[in-house]
Amino acid sequence: QVQLVESGGGLVQAGGSLRLSCAATGRTFSTYAMGWFRQTPGKEREFVAAISRSGRNQYYTDSVKGRFTISRDNAKNMVYLAMNSLKPEDTAVYYCATEEPEGTDVAGPWAFGSWGQGTQVTVSS
């Protein structure tokens, strides 16, 4: 059973930057794709970014392309989300996720089904 712990959220002004981190334990990290999702109250969970097992391929939702960068360090069992030029509409709880065979949230060529506890990102205008 994989365990995911996110960190790095906080309050930032519009135009600012944050870097989210996610530490994974419990499985061989390099054998599964990783993703970031976000959710605001009253809305469905939304895909943000995903990265392949090797880190060679990345996918982004259109609204964050050019501003967010997903990366991973397989030696450290870590995945990151660098967020630049933040906008108030980026405000959400951000969740780290792992690829699962029966995952419920499909993004790119993968399905994601294991989640961390989330980290709050608030962007003020």
C-alpha atoms as a PDB file:
ATOM      1  CA  GLN A   1       0.000   0.000   0.000  1.00  0.00           C
ATOM      2  CA  VAL A   2       1.492   3.297  -1.068  1.00  0.00           C
ATOM      3  CA  GLN A   3       1.502   6.282   1.254  1.00  0.00           C
ATOM      4  CA  LEU A   4       1.770   9.827  -0.038  1.00  0.00           C
ATOM      5  CA  VAL A   5       2.534  12.975   1.932  1.00  0.00           C
ATOM      6  CA  GLU A   6       2.295  16.380   0.288  1.00  0.00           C
ATOM      7  CA  SER A   7       3.951  19.575   1.480  1.00  0.00           C
ATOM      8  CA  GLY A   8       4.794  23.038   0.248  1.00  0.00           C
ATOM      9  CA  GLY A   9       1.398  24.676   0.054  1.00  0.00           C
ATOM     10  CA  GLY A  10       0.693  28.114   1.439  1.00  0.00           C
ATOM     11  CA  LEU A  11      -0.533  31.623   0.782  1.00  0.00           C
ATOM     12  CA  VAL A  12       0.987  33.557  -2.099  1.00  0.00           C
ATOM     13  CA  GLN A  13       0.101  36.676  -4.058  1.00  0.00           C
ATOM     14  CA  ALA A  14      -0.962  36.471  -7.661  1.00  0.00           C
ATOM     15  CA  GLY A  15       2.075  36.194  -9.895  1.00  0.00           C
ATOM     16  CA  GLY A  16       4.048  34.402  -7.232  1.00  0.00           C
ATOM     17  CA  SER A  17       5.474  30.908  -7.098  1.00  0.00           C
ATOM     18  CA  LEU A  18       5.252  27.797  -4.966  1.00  0.00           C
ATOM     19  CA  ARG A  19       6.813  24.362  -5.159  1.00  0.00           C
ATOM     20  CA  LEU A  20       4.834  21.402  -3.939  1.00  0.00           C
ATOM     21  CA  SER A  21       6.515  18.180  -2.887  1.00  0.00           C
ATOM     22  CA  CYS A  22       5.154  14.682  -2.432  1.00  0.00           C
ATOM     23  CA  ALA A  23       6.968  11.889  -0.629  1.00  0.00           C
ATOM     24  CA  ALA A  24       5.973   8.336  -1.503  1.00  0.00           C
ATOM     25  CA  THR A  25       6.550   5.185   0.529  1.00  0.00           C
ATOM     26  CA  GLY A  26       5.349   1.618   0.414  1.00  0.00           C
ATOM     27  CA  ARG A  27       5.955   0.685  -3.229  1.00  0.00           C
ATOM     28  CA  THR A  28       8.773   0.731  -5.728  1.00  0.00           C
ATOM     29  CA  PHE A  29       8.444   4.357  -6.743  1.00  0.00           C
ATOM     30  CA  SER A  30       9.894   4.113 -10.228  1.00  0.00           C
ATOM     31  CA  THR A  31       7.305   1.545 -11.345  1.00  0.00           C
ATOM     32  CA  TYR A  32       4.326   3.870 -11.452  1.00  0.00           C
ATOM     33  CA  ALA A  33       3.304   7.170 -12.945  1.00  0.00           C
ATOM     34  CA  MET A  34       2.581  10.085 -10.634  1.00  0.00           C
ATOM     35  CA  GLY A  35       0.149  12.939 -10.839  1.00  0.00           C
ATOM     36  CA  TRP A  36      -1.119  16.082  -9.213  1.00  0.00           C
ATOM     37  CA  PHE A  37      -4.799  16.925  -8.900  1.00  0.00           C
ATOM     38  CA  ARG A  38      -6.627  19.766  -7.205  1.00  0.00           C
ATOM     39  CA  GLN A  39     -10.034  20.397  -5.743  1.00  0.00           C
ATOM     40  CA  THR A  40     -11.998  23.392  -4.532  1.00  0.00           C
ATOM     41  CA  PRO A  41     -15.106  23.222  -2.334  1.00  0.00           C
ATOM     42  CA  GLY A  42     -18.185  22.225  -4.269  1.00  0.00           C
ATOM     43  CA  LYS A  43     -16.251  21.166  -7.353  1.00  0.00           C
ATOM     44  CA  GLU A  44     -14.992  17.861  -8.653  1.00  0.00           C
ATOM     45  CA  ARG A  45     -11.367  16.910  -8.374  1.00  0.00           C
ATOM     46  CA  GLU A  46      -9.441  18.243 -11.374  1.00  0.00           C
ATOM     47  CA  PHE A  47      -6.367  16.864 -13.098  1.00  0.00           C
ATOM     48  CA  VAL A  48      -3.368  19.218 -13.058  1.00  0.00           C
ATOM     49  CA  ALA A  49      -0.254  17.345 -14.206  1.00  0.00           C
ATOM     50  CA  ALA A  50       1.159  13.848 -14.606  1.00  0.00           C
ATOM     51  CA  ILE A  51       4.564  12.358 -15.206  1.00  0.00           C
ATOM     52  CA  SER A  52       5.648   9.000 -16.536  1.00  0.00           C
ATOM     53  CA  ARG A  53       7.597   6.421 -14.540  1.00  0.00           C
ATOM     54  CA  SER A  54      10.925   7.528 -15.953  1.00  0.00           C
ATOM     55  CA  GLY A  55      10.050  11.213 -15.882  1.00  0.00           C
ATOM     56  CA  ARG A  56      10.497  11.496 -19.617  1.00  0.00           C
ATOM     57  CA  ASN A  57       6.879  12.359 -20.419  1.00  0.00           C
ATOM     58  CA  GLN A  58       4.681  14.973 -18.789  1.00  0.00           C
ATOM     59  CA  TYR A  59       1.058  15.925 -19.298  1.00  0.00           C
ATOM     60  CA  TYR A  60      -0.696  19.098 -18.178  1.00  0.00           C
ATOM     61  CA  THR A  61      -4.182  20.452 -18.137  1.00  0.00           C
ATOM     62  CA  ASP A  62      -4.453  23.394 -20.516  1.00  0.00           C
ATOM     63  CA  SER A  63      -4.934  25.998 -17.804  1.00  0.00           C
ATOM     64  CA  VAL A  64      -1.491  25.377 -16.279  1.00  0.00           C
ATOM     65  CA  LYS A  65       0.612  24.751 -19.378  1.00  0.00           C
ATOM     66  CA  GLY A  66       3.614  27.055 -19.454  1.00  0.00           C
ATOM     67  CA  ARG A  67       3.224  27.914 -15.762  1.00  0.00           C
ATOM     68  CA  PHE A  68       3.489  24.603 -13.889  1.00  0.00           C
ATOM     69  CA  THR A  69       6.204  21.955 -14.164  1.00  0.00           C
ATOM     70  CA  ILE A  70       5.969  18.432 -12.794  1.00  0.00           C
ATOM     71  CA  SER A  71       9.138  16.513 -12.045  1.00  0.00           C
ATOM     72  CA  ARG A  72      10.247  13.472 -10.093  1.00  0.00           C
ATOM     73  CA  ASP A  73      13.318  12.114  -8.376  1.00  0.00           C
ATOM     74  CA  ASN A  74      13.132   8.332  -8.357  1.00  0.00           C
ATOM     75  CA  ALA A  75      16.193   8.049  -6.143  1.00  0.00           C
ATOM     76  CA  LYS A  76      14.415  10.040  -3.431  1.00  0.00           C
ATOM     77  CA  ASN A  77      10.879   8.741  -4.051  1.00  0.00           C
ATOM     78  CA  MET A  78       9.697  12.304  -4.582  1.00  0.00           C
ATOM     79  CA  VAL A  79       7.489  14.107  -7.062  1.00  0.00           C
ATOM     80  CA  TYR A  80       7.301  17.874  -7.355  1.00  0.00           C
ATOM     81  CA  LEU A  81       5.049  20.518  -8.826  1.00  0.00           C
ATOM     82  CA  ALA A  82       6.687  23.869  -9.501  1.00  0.00           C
ATOM     83  CA  MET A  83       3.996  26.508  -9.882  1.00  0.00           C
ATOM     84  CA  ASN A  84       4.819  29.909 -11.354  1.00  0.00           C
ATOM     85  CA  SER A  85       2.717  32.920 -12.332  1.00  0.00           C
ATOM     86  CA  LEU A  86       0.044  31.770  -9.928  1.00  0.00           C
ATOM     87  CA  LYS A  87      -3.489  33.048 -10.356  1.00  0.00           C
ATOM     88  CA  PRO A  88      -6.350  33.276  -7.877  1.00  0.00           C
ATOM     89  CA  GLU A  89      -8.127  30.528  -9.823  1.00  0.00           C
ATOM     90  CA  ASP A  90      -5.265  28.172  -8.908  1.00  0.00           C
ATOM     91  CA  THR A  91      -6.479  28.288  -5.309  1.00  0.00           C
ATOM     92  CA  ALA A  92      -7.331  24.726  -4.244  1.00  0.00           C
ATOM     93  CA  VAL A  93      -6.254  21.753  -2.200  1.00  0.00           C
ATOM     94  CA  TYR A  94      -3.588  19.976  -4.226  1.00  0.00           C
ATOM     95  CA  TYR A  95      -3.303  16.196  -4.053  1.00  0.00           C
ATOM     96  CA  CYS A  96      -0.511  13.895  -5.080  1.00  0.00           C
ATOM     97  CA  ALA A  97      -1.623  10.642  -6.717  1.00  0.00           C
ATOM     98  CA  THR A  98      -0.188   7.384  -7.956  1.00  0.00           C
ATOM     99  CA  GLU A  99      -1.056   5.275 -10.943  1.00  0.00           C
ATOM    100  CA  GLU A 100      -3.377   2.397 -10.037  1.00  0.00           C
ATOM    101  CA  PRO A 101      -4.694  -0.429 -12.266  1.00  0.00           C
ATOM    102  CA  GLU A 102      -8.269   0.327 -11.195  1.00  0.00           C
ATOM    103  CA  GLY A 103      -7.837   4.021 -10.594  1.00  0.00           C
ATOM    104  CA  THR A 104     -10.871   6.270 -10.919  1.00  0.00           C
ATOM    105  CA  ASP A 105      -9.238   9.395 -12.303  1.00  0.00           C
ATOM    106  CA  VAL A 106      -7.885   9.037 -15.811  1.00  0.00           C
ATOM    107  CA  ALA A 107      -5.234  11.460 -17.039  1.00  0.00           C
ATOM    108  CA  GLY A 108      -3.068  10.950 -20.101  1.00  0.00           C
ATOM    109  CA  PRO A 109      -2.473   7.221 -20.562  1.00  0.00           C
ATOM    110  CA  TRP A 110      -2.903   6.406 -16.833  1.00  0.00           C
ATOM    111  CA  ALA A 111      -5.526   5.948 -14.173  1.00  0.00           C
ATOM    112  CA  PHE A 112      -4.848   7.330 -10.718  1.00  0.00           C
ATOM    113  CA  GLY A 113      -6.292   5.881  -7.556  1.00  0.00           C
ATOM    114  CA  SER A 114      -4.162   6.509  -4.477  1.00  0.00           C
ATOM    115  CA  TRP A 115      -4.129   9.935  -2.872  1.00  0.00           C
ATOM    116  CA  GLY A 116      -2.289  11.937  -0.282  1.00  0.00           C
ATOM    117  CA  GLN A 117      -3.976  14.097   2.352  1.00  0.00           C
ATOM    118  CA  GLY A 118      -3.575  17.263   0.283  1.00  0.00           C
ATOM    119  CA  THR A 119      -1.919  20.622   0.760  1.00  0.00           C
ATOM    120  CA  GLN A 120      -3.731  23.951   0.561  1.00  0.00           C
ATOM    121  CA  VAL A 121      -2.635  26.520  -2.009  1.00  0.00           C
ATOM    122  CA  THR A 122      -4.195  29.964  -1.713  1.00  0.00           C
ATOM    123  CA  VAL A 123      -3.458  32.682  -4.254  1.00  0.00           C
ATOM    124  CA  SER A 124      -4.578  36.185  -3.309  1.00  0.00           C
ATOM    125  CA  SER A 125      -5.389  38.828  -5.880  1.00  0.00           C
END
